[in-house]
Amino acid sequence: MFDDLPPDLGRLHTLRVWHAMWLARIDAKIAALQKREAEIEHGRQRRPAEPDWFVELGIGVGRPLVAVHAGGCHMAGKRRRATGRDEARRLLATGLRACVHCEPDRHLGME
């Protein structure tokens, strides 16, 4: 058998301490990552459901309304407000732009 370990007891103890320190670091990192993944999963389970309809908001004073989107539309910006089906229909009827990607007007039967 190939034995590449040092022959004296002092260096063997040093190696053991060194590897024990590394194992402790690795175990701590594993525990931290497991905790983080558990937190992410907990957040994913508690996240509120995506609204069926929402309005994209503009920038500036009063945050003007920009467009109506169907829930889950990937083209909407970060500034948004959830809205109900009736309000989405009312906003579209008053001339607010419908998203050309998710086509909320088609889903609401307003083509």
PDB file of N, CA and C in Angstrom:
ATOM      1  N   MET A   1       0.837  -1.175   0.000  1.00  0.00           N
ATOM      2  CA  MET A   1       0.000   0.000   0.000  1.00  0.00           C
ATOM      3  C   MET A   1       0.881   1.237   0.000  1.00  0.00           C
ATOM      4  N   PHE A   2       0.486   2.235  -0.792  1.00  0.00           N
ATOM      5  CA  PHE A   2       1.233   3.479  -0.888  1.00  0.00           C
ATOM      6  C   PHE A   2       0.876   4.369   0.289  1.00  0.00           C
ATOM      7  N   ASP A   3       1.859   4.726   1.091  1.00  0.00           N
ATOM      8  CA  ASP A   3       1.633   5.535   2.284  1.00  0.00           C
ATOM      9  C   ASP A   3       2.375   6.858   2.128  1.00  0.00           C
ATOM     10  N   ASP A   4       1.641   7.929   1.815  1.00  0.00           N
ATOM     11  CA  ASP A   4       2.271   9.230   1.623  1.00  0.00           C
ATOM     12  C   ASP A   4       2.122  10.139   2.837  1.00  0.00           C
ATOM     13  N   LEU A   5       1.661   9.603   3.941  1.00  0.00           N
ATOM     14  CA  LEU A   5       1.525  10.387   5.160  1.00  0.00           C
ATOM     15  C   LEU A   5       2.874  10.485   5.866  1.00  0.00           C
ATOM     16  N   PRO A   6       3.074  11.573   6.633  1.00  0.00           N
ATOM     17  CA  PRO A   6       4.347  11.715   7.342  1.00  0.00           C
ATOM     18  C   PRO A   6       4.531  10.603   8.381  1.00  0.00           C
ATOM     19  N   PRO A   7       5.763  10.243   8.648  1.00  0.00           N
ATOM     20  CA  PRO A   7       6.016   9.132   9.562  1.00  0.00           C
ATOM     21  C   PRO A   7       5.957   9.509  11.042  1.00  0.00           C
ATOM     22  N   ASP A   8       5.980  10.815  11.376  1.00  0.00           N
ATOM     23  CA  ASP A   8       6.032  11.169  12.805  1.00  0.00           C
ATOM     24  C   ASP A   8       4.668  11.621  13.317  1.00  0.00           C
ATOM     25  N   LEU A   9       4.478  11.437  14.596  1.00  0.00           N
ATOM     26  CA  LEU A   9       3.203  11.708  15.265  1.00  0.00           C
ATOM     27  C   LEU A   9       2.853  13.193  15.259  1.00  0.00           C
ATOM     28  N   GLY A  10       3.808  14.083  15.412  1.00  0.00           N
ATOM     29  CA  GLY A  10       3.557  15.526  15.452  1.00  0.00           C
ATOM     30  C   GLY A  10       2.928  16.028  14.167  1.00  0.00           C
ATOM     31  N   ARG A  11       3.493  15.656  13.036  1.00  0.00           N
ATOM     32  CA  ARG A  11       2.936  16.116  11.762  1.00  0.00           C
ATOM     33  C   ARG A  11       1.583  15.463  11.479  1.00  0.00           C
ATOM     34  N   LEU A  12       1.415  14.225  11.903  1.00  0.00           N
ATOM     35  CA  LEU A  12       0.110  13.587  11.725  1.00  0.00           C
ATOM     36  C   LEU A  12      -0.973  14.316  12.511  1.00  0.00           C
ATOM     37  N   HIS A  13      -0.665  14.713  13.752  1.00  0.00           N
ATOM     38  CA  HIS A  13      -1.630  15.487  14.550  1.00  0.00           C
ATOM     39  C   HIS A  13      -1.918  16.834  13.884  1.00  0.00           C
ATOM     40  N   THR A  14      -0.893  17.475  13.329  1.00  0.00           N
ATOM     41  CA  THR A  14      -1.081  18.750  12.635  1.00  0.00           C
ATOM     42  C   THR A  14      -2.014  18.573  11.446  1.00  0.00           C
ATOM     43  N   LEU A  15      -1.799  17.530  10.667  1.00  0.00           N
ATOM     44  CA  LEU A  15      -2.670  17.261   9.527  1.00  0.00           C
ATOM     45  C   LEU A  15      -4.109  17.008   9.978  1.00  0.00           C
ATOM     46  N   ARG A  16      -4.247  16.255  11.071  1.00  0.00           N
ATOM     47  CA  ARG A  16      -5.593  15.961  11.566  1.00  0.00           C
ATOM     48  C   ARG A  16      -6.312  17.236  11.990  1.00  0.00           C
ATOM     49  N   VAL A  17      -5.620  18.121  12.705  1.00  0.00           N
ATOM     50  CA  VAL A  17      -6.221  19.392  13.129  1.00  0.00           C
ATOM     51  C   VAL A  17      -6.584  20.225  11.903  1.00  0.00           C
ATOM     52  N   TRP A  18      -5.666  20.300  10.930  1.00  0.00           N
ATOM     53  CA  TRP A  18      -5.906  21.059   9.714  1.00  0.00           C
ATOM     54  C   TRP A  18      -7.160  20.561   8.976  1.00  0.00           C
ATOM     55  N   HIS A  19      -7.258  19.268   8.820  1.00  0.00           N
ATOM     56  CA  HIS A  19      -8.416  18.705   8.121  1.00  0.00           C
ATOM     57  C   HIS A  19      -9.695  18.825   8.940  1.00  0.00           C
ATOM     58  N   ALA A  20      -9.599  18.757  10.240  1.00  0.00           N
ATOM     59  CA  ALA A  20     -10.778  18.950  11.090  1.00  0.00           C
ATOM     60  C   ALA A  20     -11.285  20.386  10.944  1.00  0.00           C
ATOM     61  N   MET A  21     -10.357  21.356  10.862  1.00  0.00           N
ATOM     62  CA  MET A  21     -10.761  22.748  10.661  1.00  0.00           C
ATOM     63  C   MET A  21     -11.457  22.904   9.317  1.00  0.00           C
ATOM     64  N   TRP A  22     -10.918  22.283   8.274  1.00  0.00           N
ATOM     65  CA  TRP A  22     -11.535  22.367   6.961  1.00  0.00           C
ATOM     66  C   TRP A  22     -12.902  21.693   6.941  1.00  0.00           C
ATOM     67  N   LEU A  23     -13.025  20.549   7.609  1.00  0.00           N
ATOM     68  CA  LEU A  23     -14.331  19.886   7.677  1.00  0.00           C
ATOM     69  C   LEU A  23     -15.358  20.755   8.398  1.00  0.00           C
ATOM     70  N   ALA A  24     -14.915  21.447   9.447  1.00  0.00           N
ATOM     71  CA  ALA A  24     -15.825  22.342  10.173  1.00  0.00           C
ATOM     72  C   ALA A  24     -16.271  23.487   9.262  1.00  0.00           C
ATOM     73  N   ARG A  25     -15.357  24.045   8.470  1.00  0.00           N
ATOM     74  CA  ARG A  25     -15.701  25.117   7.534  1.00  0.00           C
ATOM     75  C   ARG A  25     -16.671  24.606   6.472  1.00  0.00           C
ATOM     76  N   ILE A  26     -16.401  23.427   5.962  1.00  0.00           N
ATOM     77  CA  ILE A  26     -17.266  22.846   4.927  1.00  0.00           C
ATOM     78  C   ILE A  26     -18.646  22.555   5.501  1.00  0.00           C
ATOM     79  N   ASP A  27     -18.697  21.988   6.704  1.00  0.00           N
ATOM     80  CA  ASP A  27     -19.985  21.705   7.349  1.00  0.00           C
ATOM     81  C   ASP A  27     -20.767  22.993   7.593  1.00  0.00           C
ATOM     82  N   ALA A  28     -20.076  24.064   8.004  1.00  0.00           N
ATOM     83  CA  ALA A  28     -20.749  25.344   8.230  1.00  0.00           C
ATOM     84  C   ALA A  28     -21.307  25.900   6.926  1.00  0.00           C
ATOM     85  N   LYS A  29     -20.553  25.782   5.848  1.00  0.00           N
ATOM     86  CA  LYS A  29     -21.016  26.268   4.543  1.00  0.00           C
ATOM     87  C   LYS A  29     -22.222  25.452   4.065  1.00  0.00           C
ATOM     88  N   ILE A  30     -22.169  24.141   4.244  1.00  0.00           N
ATOM     89  CA  ILE A  30     -23.305  23.278   3.870  1.00  0.00           C
ATOM     90  C   ILE A  30     -24.548  23.680   4.661  1.00  0.00           C
ATOM     91  N   ALA A  31     -24.390  23.902   5.968  1.00  0.00           N
ATOM     92  CA  ALA A  31     -25.530  24.289   6.806  1.00  0.00           C
ATOM     93  C   ALA A  31     -26.096  25.638   6.367  1.00  0.00           C
ATOM     94  N   ALA A  32     -25.216  26.586   6.034  1.00  0.00           N
ATOM     95  CA  ALA A  32     -25.678  27.901   5.595  1.00  0.00           C
ATOM     96  C   ALA A  32     -26.438  27.796   4.272  1.00  0.00           C
ATOM     97  N   LEU A  33     -25.933  26.996   3.344  1.00  0.00           N
ATOM     98  CA  LEU A  33     -26.611  26.838   2.059  1.00  0.00           C
ATOM     99  C   LEU A  33     -27.947  26.117   2.208  1.00  0.00           C
ATOM    100  N   GLN A  34     -27.995  25.119   3.094  1.00  0.00           N
ATOM    101  CA  GLN A  34     -29.260  24.423   3.330  1.00  0.00           C
ATOM    102  C   GLN A  34     -30.289  25.364   3.952  1.00  0.00           C
ATOM    103  N   LYS A  35     -29.832  26.223   4.876  1.00  0.00           N
ATOM    104  CA  LYS A  35     -30.731  27.188   5.494  1.00  0.00           C
ATOM    105  C   LYS A  35     -31.242  28.165   4.439  1.00  0.00           C
ATOM    106  N   ARG A  36     -30.356  28.644   3.580  1.00  0.00           N
ATOM    107  CA  ARG A  36     -30.744  29.587   2.529  1.00  0.00           C
ATOM    108  C   ARG A  36     -31.758  28.954   1.570  1.00  0.00           C
ATOM    109  N   GLU A  37     -31.508  27.715   1.158  1.00  0.00           N
ATOM    110  CA  GLU A  37     -32.450  27.036   0.264  1.00  0.00           C
ATOM    111  C   GLU A  37     -33.805  26.836   0.932  1.00  0.00           C
ATOM    112  N   ALA A  38     -33.796  26.525   2.230  1.00  0.00           N
ATOM    113  CA  ALA A  38     -35.056  26.363   2.961  1.00  0.00           C
ATOM    114  C   ALA A  38     -35.805  27.697   3.031  1.00  0.00           C
ATOM    115  N   GLU A  39     -35.070  28.799   3.242  1.00  0.00           N
ATOM    116  CA  GLU A  39     -35.710  30.115   3.272  1.00  0.00           C
ATOM    117  C   GLU A  39     -36.295  30.477   1.913  1.00  0.00           C
ATOM    118  N   ILE A  40     -35.569  30.176   0.853  1.00  0.00           N
ATOM    119  CA  ILE A  40     -36.056  30.458  -0.498  1.00  0.00           C
ATOM    120  C   ILE A  40     -37.329  29.660  -0.770  1.00  0.00           C
ATOM    121  N   GLU A  41     -37.325  28.394  -0.414  1.00  0.00           N
ATOM    122  CA  GLU A  41     -38.502  27.554  -0.636  1.00  0.00           C
ATOM    123  C   GLU A  41     -39.682  28.039   0.203  1.00  0.00           C
ATOM    124  N   HIS A  42     -39.403  28.450   1.440  1.00  0.00           N
ATOM    125  CA  HIS A  42     -40.458  28.973   2.308  1.00  0.00           C
ATOM    126  C   HIS A  42     -41.058  30.238   1.684  1.00  0.00           C
ATOM    127  N   GLY A  43     -40.191  31.115   1.179  1.00  0.00           N
ATOM    128  CA  GLY A  43     -40.669  32.326   0.516  1.00  0.00           C
ATOM    129  C   GLY A  43     -41.465  32.009  -0.735  1.00  0.00           C
ATOM    130  N   ARG A  44     -41.026  31.026  -1.484  1.00  0.00           N
ATOM    131  CA  ARG A  44     -41.726  30.627  -2.709  1.00  0.00           C
ATOM    132  C   ARG A  44     -43.123  30.113  -2.371  1.00  0.00           C
ATOM    133  N   GLN A  45     -43.255  29.365  -1.280  1.00  0.00           N
ATOM    134  CA  GLN A  45     -44.556  28.822  -0.894  1.00  0.00           C
ATOM    135  C   GLN A  45     -45.487  29.908  -0.363  1.00  0.00           C
ATOM    136  N   ARG A  46     -44.921  30.934   0.282  1.00  0.00           N
ATOM    137  CA  ARG A  46     -45.745  31.987   0.886  1.00  0.00           C
ATOM    138  C   ARG A  46     -45.967  33.182  -0.027  1.00  0.00           C
ATOM    139  N   ARG A  47     -45.349  33.181  -1.198  1.00  0.00           N
ATOM    140  CA  ARG A  47     -45.501  34.296  -2.133  1.00  0.00           C
ATOM    141  C   ARG A  47     -46.955  34.387  -2.569  1.00  0.00           C
ATOM    142  N   PRO A  48     -47.493  35.609  -2.567  1.00  0.00           N
ATOM    143  CA  PRO A  48     -48.884  35.744  -3.010  1.00  0.00           C
ATOM    144  C   PRO A  48     -49.018  35.378  -4.482  1.00  0.00           C
ATOM    145  N   ALA A  49     -50.181  34.920  -4.842  1.00  0.00           N
ATOM    146  CA  ALA A  49     -50.433  34.518  -6.229  1.00  0.00           C
ATOM    147  C   ALA A  49     -50.378  35.736  -7.147  1.00  0.00           C
ATOM    148  N   GLU A  50     -49.937  35.504  -8.363  1.00  0.00           N
ATOM    149  CA  GLU A  50     -49.900  36.564  -9.382  1.00  0.00           C
ATOM    150  C   GLU A  50     -51.334  36.992  -9.673  1.00  0.00           C
ATOM    151  N   PRO A  51     -51.598  38.320  -9.708  1.00  0.00           N
ATOM    152  CA  PRO A  51     -52.962  38.757 -10.007  1.00  0.00           C
ATOM    153  C   PRO A  51     -53.337  38.412 -11.448  1.00  0.00           C
ATOM    154  N   ASP A  52     -54.616  38.264 -11.691  1.00  0.00           N
ATOM    155  CA  ASP A  52     -55.081  37.950 -13.044  1.00  0.00           C
ATOM    156  C   ASP A  52     -54.868  39.125 -13.990  1.00  0.00           C
ATOM    157  N   TRP A  53     -54.968  40.336 -13.465  1.00  0.00           N
ATOM    158  CA  TRP A  53     -54.824  41.549 -14.275  1.00  0.00           C
ATOM    159  C   TRP A  53     -54.042  42.568 -13.482  1.00  0.00           C
ATOM    160  N   PHE A  54     -53.245  43.374 -14.161  1.00  0.00           N
ATOM    161  CA  PHE A  54     -52.582  44.478 -13.485  1.00  0.00           C
ATOM    162  C   PHE A  54     -52.331  45.614 -14.458  1.00  0.00           C
ATOM    163  N   VAL A  55     -52.104  46.788 -13.863  1.00  0.00           N
ATOM    164  CA  VAL A  55     -51.870  48.000 -14.637  1.00  0.00           C
ATOM    165  C   VAL A  55     -50.421  48.398 -14.436  1.00  0.00           C
ATOM    166  N   GLU A  56     -49.741  48.653 -15.537  1.00  0.00           N
ATOM    167  CA  GLU A  56     -48.368  49.146 -15.474  1.00  0.00           C
ATOM    168  C   GLU A  56     -48.415  50.644 -15.214  1.00  0.00           C
ATOM    169  N   LEU A  57     -47.572  51.098 -14.273  1.00  0.00           N
ATOM    170  CA  LEU A  57     -47.557  52.505 -13.883  1.00  0.00           C
ATOM    171  C   LEU A  57     -46.348  53.195 -14.475  1.00  0.00           C
ATOM    172  N   GLY A  58     -46.521  54.470 -14.808  1.00  0.00           N
ATOM    173  CA  GLY A  58     -45.431  55.259 -15.362  1.00  0.00           C
ATOM    174  C   GLY A  58     -44.576  55.880 -14.271  1.00  0.00           C
ATOM    175  N   ILE A  59     -43.653  56.726 -14.707  1.00  0.00           N
ATOM    176  CA  ILE A  59     -42.748  57.415 -13.798  1.00  0.00           C
ATOM    177  C   ILE A  59     -43.254  58.837 -13.594  1.00  0.00           C
ATOM    178  N   GLY A  60     -43.033  59.374 -12.425  1.00  0.00           N
ATOM    179  CA  GLY A  60     -43.341  60.778 -12.193  1.00  0.00           C
ATOM    180  C   GLY A  60     -44.480  60.977 -11.212  1.00  0.00           C
ATOM    181  N   VAL A  61     -44.844  62.224 -11.080  1.00  0.00           N
ATOM    182  CA  VAL A  61     -45.883  62.621 -10.141  1.00  0.00           C
ATOM    183  C   VAL A  61     -47.200  61.973 -10.548  1.00  0.00           C
ATOM    184  N   GLY A  62     -47.828  61.344  -9.616  1.00  0.00           N
ATOM    185  CA  GLY A  62     -49.113  60.715  -9.871  1.00  0.00           C
ATOM    186  C   GLY A  62     -49.011  59.351 -10.533  1.00  0.00           C
ATOM    187  N   ARG A  63     -47.812  58.968 -10.951  1.00  0.00           N
ATOM    188  CA  ARG A  63     -47.576  57.665 -11.591  1.00  0.00           C
ATOM    189  C   ARG A  63     -48.679  57.346 -12.592  1.00  0.00           C
ATOM    190  N   PRO A  64     -48.640  57.977 -13.755  1.00  0.00           N
ATOM    191  CA  PRO A  64     -49.709  57.764 -14.739  1.00  0.00           C
ATOM    192  C   PRO A  64     -49.800  56.302 -15.176  1.00  0.00           C
ATOM    193  N   LEU A  65     -50.996  55.904 -15.539  1.00  0.00           N
ATOM    194  CA  LEU A  65     -51.226  54.543 -16.009  1.00  0.00           C
ATOM    195  C   LEU A  65     -50.671  54.404 -17.430  1.00  0.00           C
ATOM    196  N   VAL A  66     -49.970  53.312 -17.703  1.00  0.00           N
ATOM    197  CA  VAL A  66     -49.327  53.121 -18.997  1.00  0.00           C
ATOM    198  C   VAL A  66     -50.057  52.077 -19.830  1.00  0.00           C
ATOM    199  N   ALA A  67     -50.311  50.907 -19.243  1.00  0.00           N
ATOM    200  CA  ALA A  67     -50.928  49.824 -20.013  1.00  0.00           C
ATOM    201  C   ALA A  67     -51.562  48.804 -19.087  1.00  0.00           C
ATOM    202  N   VAL A  68     -52.504  48.055 -19.632  1.00  0.00           N
ATOM    203  CA  VAL A  68     -53.140  46.947 -18.915  1.00  0.00           C
ATOM    204  C   VAL A  68     -52.459  45.659 -19.378  1.00  0.00           C
ATOM    205  N   HIS A  69     -52.187  44.777 -18.424  1.00  0.00           N
ATOM    206  CA  HIS A  69     -51.533  43.496 -18.711  1.00  0.00           C
ATOM    207  C   HIS A  69     -52.322  42.359 -18.076  1.00  0.00           C
ATOM    208  N   ALA A  70     -52.222  41.199 -18.678  1.00  0.00           N
ATOM    209  CA  ALA A  70     -52.748  39.975 -18.068  1.00  0.00           C
ATOM    210  C   ALA A  70     -51.714  39.479 -17.064  1.00  0.00           C
ATOM    211  N   GLY A  71     -52.146  38.810 -16.025  1.00  0.00           N
ATOM    212  CA  GLY A  71     -51.235  38.294 -15.010  1.00  0.00           C
ATOM    213  C   GLY A  71     -50.171  37.401 -15.623  1.00  0.00           C
ATOM    214  N   GLY A  72     -48.937  37.546 -15.133  1.00  0.00           N
ATOM    215  CA  GLY A  72     -47.839  36.731 -15.624  1.00  0.00           C
ATOM    216  C   GLY A  72     -47.161  37.288 -16.861  1.00  0.00           C
ATOM    217  N   CYS A  73     -47.573  38.456 -17.335  1.00  0.00           N
ATOM    218  CA  CYS A  73     -46.956  39.040 -18.536  1.00  0.00           C
ATOM    219  C   CYS A  73     -45.521  39.429 -18.221  1.00  0.00           C
ATOM    220  N   HIS A  74     -44.606  38.952 -19.022  1.00  0.00           N
ATOM    221  CA  HIS A  74     -43.185  39.214 -18.793  1.00  0.00           C
ATOM    222  C   HIS A  74     -42.736  40.554 -19.368  1.00  0.00           C
ATOM    223  N   MET A  75     -43.584  41.238 -20.104  1.00  0.00           N
ATOM    224  CA  MET A  75     -43.203  42.502 -20.743  1.00  0.00           C
ATOM    225  C   MET A  75     -43.492  43.726 -19.869  1.00  0.00           C
ATOM    226  N   ALA A  76     -44.210  43.555 -18.799  1.00  0.00           N
ATOM    227  CA  ALA A  76     -44.536  44.685 -17.934  1.00  0.00           C
ATOM    228  C   ALA A  76     -43.315  45.069 -17.105  1.00  0.00           C
ATOM    229  N   GLY A  77     -43.230  46.331 -16.776  1.00  0.00           N
ATOM    230  CA  GLY A  77     -42.144  46.814 -15.944  1.00  0.00           C
ATOM    231  C   GLY A  77     -42.354  46.456 -14.480  1.00  0.00           C
ATOM    232  N   LYS A  78     -41.475  46.971 -13.642  1.00  0.00           N
ATOM    233  CA  LYS A  78     -41.548  46.685 -12.205  1.00  0.00           C
ATOM    234  C   LYS A  78     -42.659  47.475 -11.510  1.00  0.00           C
ATOM    235  N   ARG A  79     -43.006  48.640 -12.051  1.00  0.00           N
ATOM    236  CA  ARG A  79     -44.035  49.467 -11.429  1.00  0.00           C
ATOM    237  C   ARG A  79     -45.392  48.988 -11.912  1.00  0.00           C
ATOM    238  N   ARG A  80     -46.132  48.391 -11.020  1.00  0.00           N
ATOM    239  CA  ARG A  80     -47.433  47.832 -11.397  1.00  0.00           C
ATOM    240  C   ARG A  80     -48.369  47.825 -10.210  1.00  0.00           C
ATOM    241  N   ARG A  81     -49.646  47.726 -10.523  1.00  0.00           N
ATOM    242  CA  ARG A  81     -50.685  47.664  -9.490  1.00  0.00           C
ATOM    243  C   ARG A  81     -51.696  46.617  -9.923  1.00  0.00           C
ATOM    244  N   ALA A  82     -52.017  45.710  -9.019  1.00  0.00           N
ATOM    245  CA  ALA A  82     -53.015  44.678  -9.310  1.00  0.00           C
ATOM    246  C   ALA A  82     -54.370  45.336  -9.497  1.00  0.00           C
ATOM    247  N   THR A  83     -55.148  44.765 -10.364  1.00  0.00           N
ATOM    248  CA  THR A  83     -56.482  45.289 -10.621  1.00  0.00           C
ATOM    249  C   THR A  83     -57.434  44.123 -10.867  1.00  0.00           C
ATOM    250  N   GLY A  84     -58.689  44.388 -10.714  1.00  0.00           N
ATOM    251  CA  GLY A  84     -59.695  43.362 -10.957  1.00  0.00           C
ATOM    252  C   GLY A  84     -60.115  43.321 -12.417  1.00  0.00           C
ATOM    253  N   ARG A  85     -60.864  42.312 -12.757  1.00  0.00           N
ATOM    254  CA  ARG A  85     -61.329  42.131 -14.140  1.00  0.00           C
ATOM    255  C   ARG A  85     -62.180  43.318 -14.603  1.00  0.00           C
ATOM    256  N   ASP A  86     -63.102  43.761 -13.743  1.00  0.00           N
ATOM    257  CA  ASP A  86     -63.991  44.862 -14.126  1.00  0.00           C
ATOM    258  C   ASP A  86     -63.219  46.157 -14.333  1.00  0.00           C
ATOM    259  N   GLU A  87     -62.271  46.451 -13.449  1.00  0.00           N
ATOM    260  CA  GLU A  87     -61.492  47.675 -13.612  1.00  0.00           C
ATOM    261  C   GLU A  87     -60.615  47.597 -14.860  1.00  0.00           C
ATOM    262  N   ALA A  88     -60.050  46.435 -15.146  1.00  0.00           N
ATOM    263  CA  ALA A  88     -59.237  46.273 -16.356  1.00  0.00           C
ATOM    264  C   ALA A  88     -60.088  46.538 -17.592  1.00  0.00           C
ATOM    265  N   ARG A  89     -61.315  46.023 -17.617  1.00  0.00           N
ATOM    266  CA  ARG A  89     -62.212  46.266 -18.752  1.00  0.00           C
ATOM    267  C   ARG A  89     -62.554  47.750 -18.860  1.00  0.00           C
ATOM    268  N   ARG A  90     -62.792  48.399 -17.714  1.00  0.00           N
ATOM    269  CA  ARG A  90     -63.132  49.822 -17.713  1.00  0.00           C
ATOM    270  C   ARG A  90     -61.959  50.653 -18.233  1.00  0.00           C
ATOM    271  N   LEU A  91     -60.748  50.338 -17.781  1.00  0.00           N
ATOM    272  CA  LEU A  91     -59.569  51.086 -18.225  1.00  0.00           C
ATOM    273  C   LEU A  91     -59.330  50.916 -19.719  1.00  0.00           C
ATOM    274  N   LEU A  92     -59.513  49.711 -20.212  1.00  0.00           N
ATOM    275  CA  LEU A  92     -59.354  49.479 -21.652  1.00  0.00           C
ATOM    276  C   LEU A  92     -60.433  50.221 -22.440  1.00  0.00           C
ATOM    277  N   ALA A  93     -61.646  50.250 -21.901  1.00  0.00           N
ATOM    278  CA  ALA A  93     -62.748  50.937 -22.581  1.00  0.00           C
ATOM    279  C   ALA A  93     -62.523  52.442 -22.634  1.00  0.00           C
ATOM    280  N   THR A  94     -61.801  52.991 -21.641  1.00  0.00           N
ATOM    281  CA  THR A  94     -61.543  54.433 -21.632  1.00  0.00           C
ATOM    282  C   THR A  94     -60.320  54.796 -22.469  1.00  0.00           C
ATOM    283  N   GLY A  95     -59.697  53.814 -23.107  1.00  0.00           N
ATOM    284  CA  GLY A  95     -58.607  54.115 -24.030  1.00  0.00           C
ATOM    285  C   GLY A  95     -57.208  53.795 -23.538  1.00  0.00           C
ATOM    286  N   LEU A  96     -57.077  53.213 -22.365  1.00  0.00           N
ATOM    287  CA  LEU A  96     -55.745  52.841 -21.898  1.00  0.00           C
ATOM    288  C   LEU A  96     -55.213  51.710 -22.782  1.00  0.00           C
ATOM    289  N   ARG A  97     -53.951  51.798 -23.118  1.00  0.00           N
ATOM    290  CA  ARG A  97     -53.332  50.840 -24.037  1.00  0.00           C
ATOM    291  C   ARG A  97     -53.321  49.425 -23.445  1.00  0.00           C
ATOM    292  N   ALA A  98     -53.593  48.443 -24.283  1.00  0.00           N
ATOM    293  CA  ALA A  98     -53.491  47.027 -23.905  1.00  0.00           C
ATOM    294  C   ALA A  98     -52.116  46.524 -24.345  1.00  0.00           C
ATOM    295  N   CYS A  99     -51.499  45.724 -23.546  1.00  0.00           N
ATOM    296  CA  CYS A  99     -50.198  45.148 -23.882  1.00  0.00           C
ATOM    297  C   CYS A  99     -50.339  44.316 -25.166  1.00  0.00           C
ATOM    298  N   VAL A 100     -49.413  44.507 -26.095  1.00  0.00           N
ATOM    299  CA  VAL A 100     -49.499  43.775 -27.361  1.00  0.00           C
ATOM    300  C   VAL A 100     -48.962  42.349 -27.234  1.00  0.00           C
ATOM    301  N   HIS A 101     -48.312  42.046 -26.121  1.00  0.00           N
ATOM    302  CA  HIS A 101     -47.760  40.702 -25.936  1.00  0.00           C
ATOM    303  C   HIS A 101     -48.752  39.755 -25.260  1.00  0.00           C
ATOM    304  N   CYS A 102     -49.337  40.212 -24.154  1.00  0.00           N
ATOM    305  CA  CYS A 102     -50.256  39.319 -23.424  1.00  0.00           C
ATOM    306  C   CYS A 102     -51.710  39.508 -23.863  1.00  0.00           C
ATOM    307  N   GLU A 103     -51.999  40.584 -24.594  1.00  0.00           N
ATOM    308  CA  GLU A 103     -53.315  40.871 -25.157  1.00  0.00           C
ATOM    309  C   GLU A 103     -54.464  40.719 -24.151  1.00  0.00           C
ATOM    310  N   PRO A 104     -54.477  41.552 -23.125  1.00  0.00           N
ATOM    311  CA  PRO A 104     -55.554  41.432 -22.134  1.00  0.00           C
ATOM    312  C   PRO A 104     -56.925  41.752 -22.712  1.00  0.00           C
ATOM    313  N   ASP A 105     -56.969  42.616 -23.740  1.00  0.00           N
ATOM    314  CA  ASP A 105     -58.262  42.934 -24.360  1.00  0.00           C
ATOM    315  C   ASP A 105     -58.883  41.702 -24.996  1.00  0.00           C
ATOM    316  N   ARG A 106     -58.066  40.850 -25.585  1.00  0.00           N
ATOM    317  CA  ARG A 106     -58.581  39.619 -26.190  1.00  0.00           C
ATOM    318  C   ARG A 106     -59.091  38.666 -25.106  1.00  0.00           C
ATOM    319  N   HIS A 107     -58.324  38.564 -24.005  1.00  0.00           N
ATOM    320  CA  HIS A 107     -58.743  37.676 -22.902  1.00  0.00           C
ATOM    321  C   HIS A 107     -59.995  38.177 -22.201  1.00  0.00           C
ATOM    322  N   LEU A 108     -60.189  39.498 -22.237  1.00  0.00           N
ATOM    323  CA  LEU A 108     -61.378  40.073 -21.604  1.00  0.00           C
ATOM    324  C   LEU A 108     -62.566  40.157 -22.565  1.00  0.00           C
ATOM    325  N   GLY A 109     -62.376  39.681 -23.800  1.00  0.00           N
ATOM    326  CA  GLY A 109     -63.456  39.696 -24.775  1.00  0.00           C
ATOM    327  C   GLY A 109     -63.768  41.079 -25.301  1.00  0.00           C
ATOM    328  N   MET A 110     -62.758  41.940 -25.429  1.00  0.00           N
ATOM    329  CA  MET A 110     -62.987  43.319 -25.870  1.00  0.00           C
ATOM    330  C   MET A 110     -62.307  43.617 -27.197  1.00  0.00           C
ATOM    331  N   GLU A 111     -62.037  42.666 -28.009  1.00  0.00           N
ATOM    332  CA  GLU A 111     -61.337  42.874 -29.284  1.00  0.00           C
ATOM    333  C   GLU A 111     -62.082  43.797 -30.194  1.00  0.00           C
TER     334      GLU A 111
END
